[in-house]
PDB file of all heavy atoms in Angstrom:
ATOM      1  N   GLU A   1     115.645  58.700 131.694  1.00  0.00           N
ATOM      2  CA  GLU A   1     116.894  58.497 130.955  1.00  0.00           C
ATOM      3  C   GLU A   1     116.938  59.378 129.711  1.00  0.00           C
ATOM      4  O   GLU A   1     117.947  60.027 129.435  1.00  0.00           O
ATOM      5  CB  GLU A   1     117.040  57.037 130.539  1.00  0.00           C
ATOM      6  CG  GLU A   1     117.323  56.063 131.652  1.00  0.00           C
ATOM      7  CD  GLU A   1     117.283  54.613 131.206  1.00  0.00           C
ATOM      8  OE1 GLU A   1     116.929  54.320 130.042  1.00  0.00           O
ATOM      9  OE2 GLU A   1     117.609  53.755 132.043  1.00  0.00           O
ATOM     10  N   LEU A   2     115.844  59.381 128.963  1.00  0.00           N
ATOM     11  CA  LEU A   2     115.798  60.167 127.730  1.00  0.00           C
ATOM     12  C   LEU A   2     115.897  61.664 128.024  1.00  0.00           C
ATOM     13  O   LEU A   2     116.599  62.398 127.314  1.00  0.00           O
ATOM     14  CB  LEU A   2     114.521  59.851 126.952  1.00  0.00           C
ATOM     15  CG  LEU A   2     114.484  58.465 126.304  1.00  0.00           C
ATOM     16  CD1 LEU A   2     113.068  58.123 125.848  1.00  0.00           C
ATOM     17  CD2 LEU A   2     115.467  58.375 125.150  1.00  0.00           C
ATOM     18  N   GLU A   3     115.211  62.119 129.071  1.00  0.00           N
ATOM     19  CA  GLU A   3     115.276  63.540 129.427  1.00  0.00           C
ATOM     20  C   GLU A   3     116.694  63.933 129.845  1.00  0.00           C
ATOM     21  O   GLU A   3     117.157  65.022 129.492  1.00  0.00           O
ATOM     22  CB  GLU A   3     114.262  63.856 130.526  1.00  0.00           C
ATOM     23  CG  GLU A   3     112.845  63.851 130.006  1.00  0.00           C
ATOM     24  CD  GLU A   3     111.776  64.062 131.060  1.00  0.00           C
ATOM     25  OE1 GLU A   3     112.036  63.821 132.262  1.00  0.00           O
ATOM     26  OE2 GLU A   3     110.676  64.469 130.671  1.00  0.00           O
ATOM     27  N   LEU A   4     117.398  63.056 130.544  1.00  0.00           N
ATOM     28  CA  LEU A   4     118.788  63.331 130.913  1.00  0.00           C
ATOM     29  C   LEU A   4     119.690  63.415 129.684  1.00  0.00           C
ATOM     30  O   LEU A   4     120.717  64.094 129.698  1.00  0.00           O
ATOM     31  CB  LEU A   4     119.310  62.264 131.876  1.00  0.00           C
ATOM     32  CG  LEU A   4     118.797  62.362 133.308  1.00  0.00           C
ATOM     33  CD1 LEU A   4     119.236  61.143 134.133  1.00  0.00           C
ATOM     34  CD2 LEU A   4     119.287  63.646 133.978  1.00  0.00           C
ATOM     35  N   GLN A   5     119.299  62.732 128.616  1.00  0.00           N
ATOM     36  CA  GLN A   5     120.055  62.776 127.355  1.00  0.00           C
ATOM     37  C   GLN A   5     119.679  63.995 126.510  1.00  0.00           C
ATOM     38  O   GLN A   5     120.201  64.176 125.412  1.00  0.00           O
ATOM     39  CB  GLN A   5     119.818  61.502 126.557  1.00  0.00           C
ATOM     40  CG  GLN A   5     120.377  60.254 127.204  1.00  0.00           C
ATOM     41  CD  GLN A   5     119.972  58.989 126.460  1.00  0.00           C
ATOM     42  OE1 GLN A   5     119.728  58.993 125.257  1.00  0.00           O
ATOM     43  NE2 GLN A   5     119.874  57.886 127.193  1.00  0.00           N
ATOM     44  N   GLY A   6     118.752  64.825 126.998  1.00  0.00           N
ATOM     45  CA  GLY A   6     118.381  66.043 126.292  1.00  0.00           C
ATOM     46  C   GLY A   6     117.139  65.948 125.420  1.00  0.00           C
ATOM     47  O   GLY A   6     116.798  66.895 124.724  1.00  0.00           O
ATOM     48  N   TYR A   7     116.462  64.822 125.440  1.00  0.00           N
ATOM     49  CA  TYR A   7     115.248  64.664 124.653  1.00  0.00           C
ATOM     50  C   TYR A   7     114.072  65.393 125.306  1.00  0.00           C
ATOM     51  O   TYR A   7     113.996  65.497 126.526  1.00  0.00           O
ATOM     52  CB  TYR A   7     114.860  63.181 124.536  1.00  0.00           C
ATOM     53  CG  TYR A   7     115.658  62.382 123.549  1.00  0.00           C
ATOM     54  CD1 TYR A   7     116.831  61.743 123.922  1.00  0.00           C
ATOM     55  CD2 TYR A   7     115.223  62.235 122.230  1.00  0.00           C
ATOM     56  CE1 TYR A   7     117.556  60.981 123.014  1.00  0.00           C
ATOM     57  CE2 TYR A   7     115.934  61.479 121.319  1.00  0.00           C
ATOM     58  CZ  TYR A   7     117.105  60.860 121.716  1.00  0.00           C
ATOM     59  OH  TYR A   7     117.814  60.103 120.813  1.00  0.00           O
ATOM     60  N   TYR A   8     113.171  65.887 124.475  1.00  0.00           N
ATOM     61  CA  TYR A   8     111.861  66.380 124.909  1.00  0.00           C
ATOM     62  C   TYR A   8     110.939  65.170 124.781  1.00  0.00           C
ATOM     63  O   TYR A   8     110.767  64.631 123.685  1.00  0.00           O
ATOM     64  CB  TYR A   8     111.413  67.526 124.002  1.00  0.00           C
ATOM     65  CG  TYR A   8     110.073  68.103 124.349  1.00  0.00           C
ATOM     66  CD1 TYR A   8     109.934  68.995 125.403  1.00  0.00           C
ATOM     67  CD2 TYR A   8     108.940  67.754 123.625  1.00  0.00           C
ATOM     68  CE1 TYR A   8     108.703  69.537 125.726  1.00  0.00           C
ATOM     69  CE2 TYR A   8     107.708  68.285 123.940  1.00  0.00           C
ATOM     70  CZ  TYR A   8     107.596  69.172 124.985  1.00  0.00           C
ATOM     71  OH  TYR A   8     106.371  69.707 125.310  1.00  0.00           O
ATOM     72  N   VAL A   9     110.366  64.713 125.894  1.00  0.00           N
ATOM     73  CA  VAL A   9     109.663  63.433 125.921  1.00  0.00           C
ATOM     74  C   VAL A   9     108.160  63.629 126.117  1.00  0.00           C
ATOM     75  O   VAL A   9     107.734  64.388 126.984  1.00  0.00           O
ATOM     76  CB  VAL A   9     110.219  62.525 127.045  1.00  0.00           C
ATOM     77  CG1 VAL A   9     109.516  61.183 127.049  1.00  0.00           C
ATOM     78  CG2 VAL A   9     111.722  62.340 126.884  1.00  0.00           C
ATOM     79  N   ILE A  10     107.392  62.918 125.298  1.00  0.00           N
ATOM     80  CA  ILE A  10     105.927  62.953 125.369  1.00  0.00           C
ATOM     81  C   ILE A  10     105.425  61.526 125.545  1.00  0.00           C
ATOM     82  O   ILE A  10     105.766  60.637 124.760  1.00  0.00           O
ATOM     83  CB  ILE A  10     105.325  63.548 124.084  1.00  0.00           C
ATOM     84  CG1 ILE A  10     105.843  64.966 123.860  1.00  0.00           C
ATOM     85  CG2 ILE A  10     103.794  63.531 124.145  1.00  0.00           C
ATOM     86  CD1 ILE A  10     105.547  65.508 122.482  1.00  0.00           C
ATOM     87  N   LYS A  11     104.621  61.308 126.581  1.00  0.00           N
ATOM     88  CA  LYS A  11     103.959  60.018 126.799  1.00  0.00           C
ATOM     89  C   LYS A  11     102.682  60.023 125.976  1.00  0.00           C
ATOM     90  O   LYS A  11     101.797  60.841 126.194  1.00  0.00           O
ATOM     91  CB  LYS A  11     103.668  59.838 128.299  1.00  0.00           C
ATOM     92  CG  LYS A  11     102.637  58.776 128.640  1.00  0.00           C
ATOM     93  CD  LYS A  11     103.117  57.379 128.357  1.00  0.00           C
ATOM     94  CE  LYS A  11     102.116  56.367 128.859  1.00  0.00           C
ATOM     95  NZ  LYS A  11     101.318  55.738 127.850  1.00  0.00           N
ATOM     96  N   LEU A  12     102.595  59.133 125.014  1.00  0.00           N
ATOM     97  CA  LEU A  12     101.417  59.065 124.155  1.00  0.00           C
ATOM     98  C   LEU A  12     100.367  58.172 124.813  1.00  0.00           C
ATOM     99  O   LEU A  12     100.631  57.015 125.119  1.00  0.00           O
ATOM    100  CB  LEU A  12     101.805  58.513 122.784  1.00  0.00           C
ATOM    101  CG  LEU A  12     102.849  59.335 122.031  1.00  0.00           C
ATOM    102  CD1 LEU A  12     103.286  58.612 120.768  1.00  0.00           C
ATOM    103  CD2 LEU A  12     102.325  60.715 121.709  1.00  0.00           C
ATOM    104  N   THR A  13      99.191  58.726 125.025  1.00  0.00           N
ATOM    105  CA  THR A  13      98.138  57.938 125.662  1.00  0.00           C
ATOM    106  C   THR A  13      97.030  57.572 124.686  1.00  0.00           C
ATOM    107  O   THR A  13      96.441  56.511 124.803  1.00  0.00           O
ATOM    108  CB  THR A  13      97.525  58.691 126.862  1.00  0.00           C
ATOM    109  OG1 THR A  13      97.065  59.968 126.419  1.00  0.00           O
ATOM    110  CG2 THR A  13      98.551  58.870 127.965  1.00  0.00           C
ATOM    111  N   LYS A  14      96.758  58.440 123.731  1.00  0.00           N
ATOM    112  CA  LYS A  14      95.717  58.150 122.747  1.00  0.00           C
ATOM    113  C   LYS A  14      96.127  58.784 121.429  1.00  0.00           C
ATOM    114  O   LYS A  14      96.445  59.965 121.381  1.00  0.00           O
ATOM    115  CB  LYS A  14      94.378  58.704 123.215  1.00  0.00           C
ATOM    116  CG  LYS A  14      93.244  58.318 122.318  1.00  0.00           C
ATOM    117  CD  LYS A  14      91.914  58.613 122.964  1.00  0.00           C
ATOM    118  CE  LYS A  14      90.834  58.236 121.986  1.00  0.00           C
ATOM    119  NZ  LYS A  14      89.770  57.501 122.585  1.00  0.00           N
ATOM    120  N   THR A  15      96.144  57.970 120.390  1.00  0.00           N
ATOM    121  CA  THR A  15      96.491  58.473 119.058  1.00  0.00           C
ATOM    122  C   THR A  15      95.430  58.017 118.067  1.00  0.00           C
ATOM    123  O   THR A  15      94.560  57.213 118.400  1.00  0.00           O
ATOM    124  CB  THR A  15      97.872  57.947 118.598  1.00  0.00           C
ATOM    125  OG1 THR A  15      97.775  56.547 118.357  1.00  0.00           O
ATOM    126  CG2 THR A  15      98.954  58.219 119.638  1.00  0.00           C
ATOM    127  N   ASN A  16      95.540  58.485 116.850  1.00  0.00           N
ATOM    128  CA  ASN A  16      94.594  58.072 115.815  1.00  0.00           C
ATOM    129  C   ASN A  16      94.973  56.724 115.194  1.00  0.00           C
ATOM    130  O   ASN A  16      94.266  56.227 114.334  1.00  0.00           O
ATOM    131  CB  ASN A  16      94.485  59.142 114.730  1.00  0.00           C
ATOM    132  CG  ASN A  16      95.767  59.315 113.953  1.00  0.00           C
ATOM    133  OD1 ASN A  16      96.854  59.203 114.513  1.00  0.00           O
ATOM    134  ND2 ASN A  16      95.657  59.595 112.673  1.00  0.00           N
ATOM    135  N   LYS A  17      96.090  56.151 115.642  1.00  0.00           N
ATOM    136  CA  LYS A  17      96.536  54.850 115.127  1.00  0.00           C
ATOM    137  C   LYS A  17      96.822  53.925 116.301  1.00  0.00           C
ATOM    138  O   LYS A  17      97.704  54.187 117.114  1.00  0.00           O
ATOM    139  CB  LYS A  17      97.804  55.017 114.291  1.00  0.00           C
ATOM    140  CG  LYS A  17      97.587  55.811 113.017  1.00  0.00           C
ATOM    141  CD  LYS A  17      98.842  55.801 112.170  1.00  0.00           C
ATOM    142  CE  LYS A  17      98.729  56.689 110.958  1.00  0.00           C
ATOM    143  NZ  LYS A  17      97.750  56.270 109.997  1.00  0.00           N
ATOM    144  N   ASN A  18      96.096  52.832 116.379  1.00  0.00           N
ATOM    145  CA  ASN A  18      96.363  51.830 117.415  1.00  0.00           C
ATOM    146  C   ASN A  18      97.739  51.215 117.185  1.00  0.00           C
ATOM    147  O   ASN A  18      98.185  51.082 116.050  1.00  0.00           O
ATOM    148  CB  ASN A  18      95.300  50.739 117.401  1.00  0.00           C
ATOM    149  CG  ASN A  18      93.939  51.243 117.822  1.00  0.00           C
ATOM    150  OD1 ASN A  18      93.836  52.213 118.563  1.00  0.00           O
ATOM    151  ND2 ASN A  18      92.897  50.590 117.357  1.00  0.00           N
ATOM    152  N   GLY A  19      98.411  50.840 118.271  1.00  0.00           N
ATOM    153  CA  GLY A  19      99.697  50.176 118.168  1.00  0.00           C
ATOM    154  C   GLY A  19     100.895  51.101 118.128  1.00  0.00           C
ATOM    155  O   GLY A  19     102.032  50.627 118.068  1.00  0.00           O
ATOM    156  N   ILE A  20     100.664  52.419 118.156  1.00  0.00           N
ATOM    157  CA  ILE A  20     101.786  53.367 118.159  1.00  0.00           C
ATOM    158  C   ILE A  20     102.535  53.217 119.488  1.00  0.00           C
ATOM    159  O   ILE A  20     101.917  53.035 120.535  1.00  0.00           O
ATOM    160  CB  ILE A  20     101.267  54.816 117.962  1.00  0.00           C
ATOM    161  CG1 ILE A  20     100.776  55.006 116.525  1.00  0.00           C
ATOM    162  CG2 ILE A  20     102.324  55.856 118.301  1.00  0.00           C
ATOM    163  CD1 ILE A  20     101.852  54.967 115.469  1.00  0.00           C
ATOM    164  N   PRO A  21     103.876  53.307 119.477  1.00  0.00           N
ATOM    165  CA  PRO A  21     104.652  53.165 120.708  1.00  0.00           C
ATOM    166  C   PRO A  21     104.225  54.147 121.806  1.00  0.00           C
ATOM    167  O   PRO A  21     103.620  55.182 121.539  1.00  0.00           O
ATOM    168  CB  PRO A  21     106.092  53.435 120.253  1.00  0.00           C
ATOM    169  CG  PRO A  21     106.091  53.013 118.823  1.00  0.00           C
ATOM    170  CD  PRO A  21     104.742  53.424 118.299  1.00  0.00           C
ATOM    171  N   ASP A  22     104.604  53.803 123.035  1.00  0.00           N
ATOM    172  CA  ASP A  22     104.169  54.524 124.229  1.00  0.00           C
ATOM    173  C   ASP A  22     104.778  55.911 124.386  1.00  0.00           C
ATOM    174  O   ASP A  22     104.149  56.808 124.935  1.00  0.00           O
ATOM    175  CB  ASP A  22     104.540  53.715 125.479  1.00  0.00           C
ATOM    176  CG  ASP A  22     103.955  52.319 125.459  1.00  0.00           C
ATOM    177  OD1 ASP A  22     102.727  52.206 125.333  1.00  0.00           O
ATOM    178  OD2 ASP A  22     104.729  51.353 125.562  1.00  0.00           O
ATOM    179  N   VAL A  23     106.022  56.076 123.946  1.00  0.00           N
ATOM    180  CA  VAL A  23     106.764  57.299 124.230  1.00  0.00           C
ATOM    181  C   VAL A  23     107.336  57.873 122.939  1.00  0.00           C
ATOM    182  O   VAL A  23     107.897  57.139 122.114  1.00  0.00           O
ATOM    183  CB  VAL A  23     107.910  57.006 125.239  1.00  0.00           C
ATOM    184  CG1 VAL A  23     108.781  58.229 125.451  1.00  0.00           C
ATOM    185  CG2 VAL A  23     107.341  56.515 126.563  1.00  0.00           C
ATOM    186  N   LEU A  24     107.215  59.189 122.800  1.00  0.00           N
ATOM    187  CA  LEU A  24     107.819  59.932 121.697  1.00  0.00           C
ATOM    188  C   LEU A  24     108.890  60.821 122.296  1.00  0.00           C
ATOM    189  O   LEU A  24     108.615  61.595 123.221  1.00  0.00           O
ATOM    190  CB  LEU A  24     106.760  60.777 120.978  1.00  0.00           C
ATOM    191  CG  LEU A  24     107.241  61.839 120.007  1.00  0.00           C
ATOM    192  CD1 LEU A  24     108.002  61.209 118.845  1.00  0.00           C
ATOM    193  CD2 LEU A  24     106.073  62.660 119.498  1.00  0.00           C
ATOM    194  N   ALA A  25     110.121  60.711 121.803  1.00  0.00           N
ATOM    195  CA  ALA A  25     111.235  61.518 122.304  1.00  0.00           C
ATOM    196  C   ALA A  25     111.843  62.295 121.139  1.00  0.00           C
ATOM    197  O   ALA A  25     112.161  61.720 120.102  1.00  0.00           O
ATOM    198  CB  ALA A  25     112.278  60.622 122.953  1.00  0.00           C
ATOM    199  N   ILE A  26     111.987  63.611 121.339  1.00  0.00           N
ATOM    200  CA  ILE A  26     112.525  64.485 120.296  1.00  0.00           C
ATOM    201  C   ILE A  26     113.793  65.135 120.823  1.00  0.00           C
ATOM    202  O   ILE A  26     113.773  65.819 121.847  1.00  0.00           O
ATOM    203  CB  ILE A  26     111.497  65.569 119.902  1.00  0.00           C
ATOM    204  CG1 ILE A  26     110.167  64.921 119.506  1.00  0.00           C
ATOM    205  CG2 ILE A  26     112.047  66.439 118.777  1.00  0.00           C
ATOM    206  CD1 ILE A  26     109.005  65.882 119.411  1.00  0.00           C
ATOM    207  N   ALA A  27     114.886  64.917 120.102  1.00  0.00           N
ATOM    208  CA  ALA A  27     116.174  65.502 120.492  1.00  0.00           C
ATOM    209  C   ALA A  27     116.329  66.866 119.823  1.00  0.00           C
ATOM    210  O   ALA A  27     115.680  67.144 118.806  1.00  0.00           O
ATOM    211  CB  ALA A  27     117.306  64.580 120.063  1.00  0.00           C
ATOM    212  N   PRO A  28     117.193  67.718 120.379  1.00  0.00           N
ATOM    213  CA  PRO A  28     117.505  68.962 119.685  1.00  0.00           C
ATOM    214  C   PRO A  28     117.950  68.646 118.252  1.00  0.00           C
ATOM    215  O   PRO A  28     118.678  67.684 118.027  1.00  0.00           O
ATOM    216  CB  PRO A  28     118.649  69.554 120.510  1.00  0.00           C
ATOM    217  CG  PRO A  28     118.461  68.973 121.874  1.00  0.00           C
ATOM    218  CD  PRO A  28     117.925  67.583 121.638  1.00  0.00           C
ATOM    219  N   GLY A  29     117.465  69.400 117.298  1.00  0.00           N
ATOM    220  CA  GLY A  29     117.776  69.119 115.906  1.00  0.00           C
ATOM    221  C   GLY A  29     116.756  68.195 115.264  1.00  0.00           C
ATOM    222  O   GLY A  29     116.930  67.745 114.154  1.00  0.00           O
TER     223      GLY A  29
END
């Protein structure tokens, strides 16, 4: 859905902070 809306989507699997949401979506701009 997010990709169809034009977002660049990254599935976060491991970060330096526990509890960070699963998906990061970046729109143009």
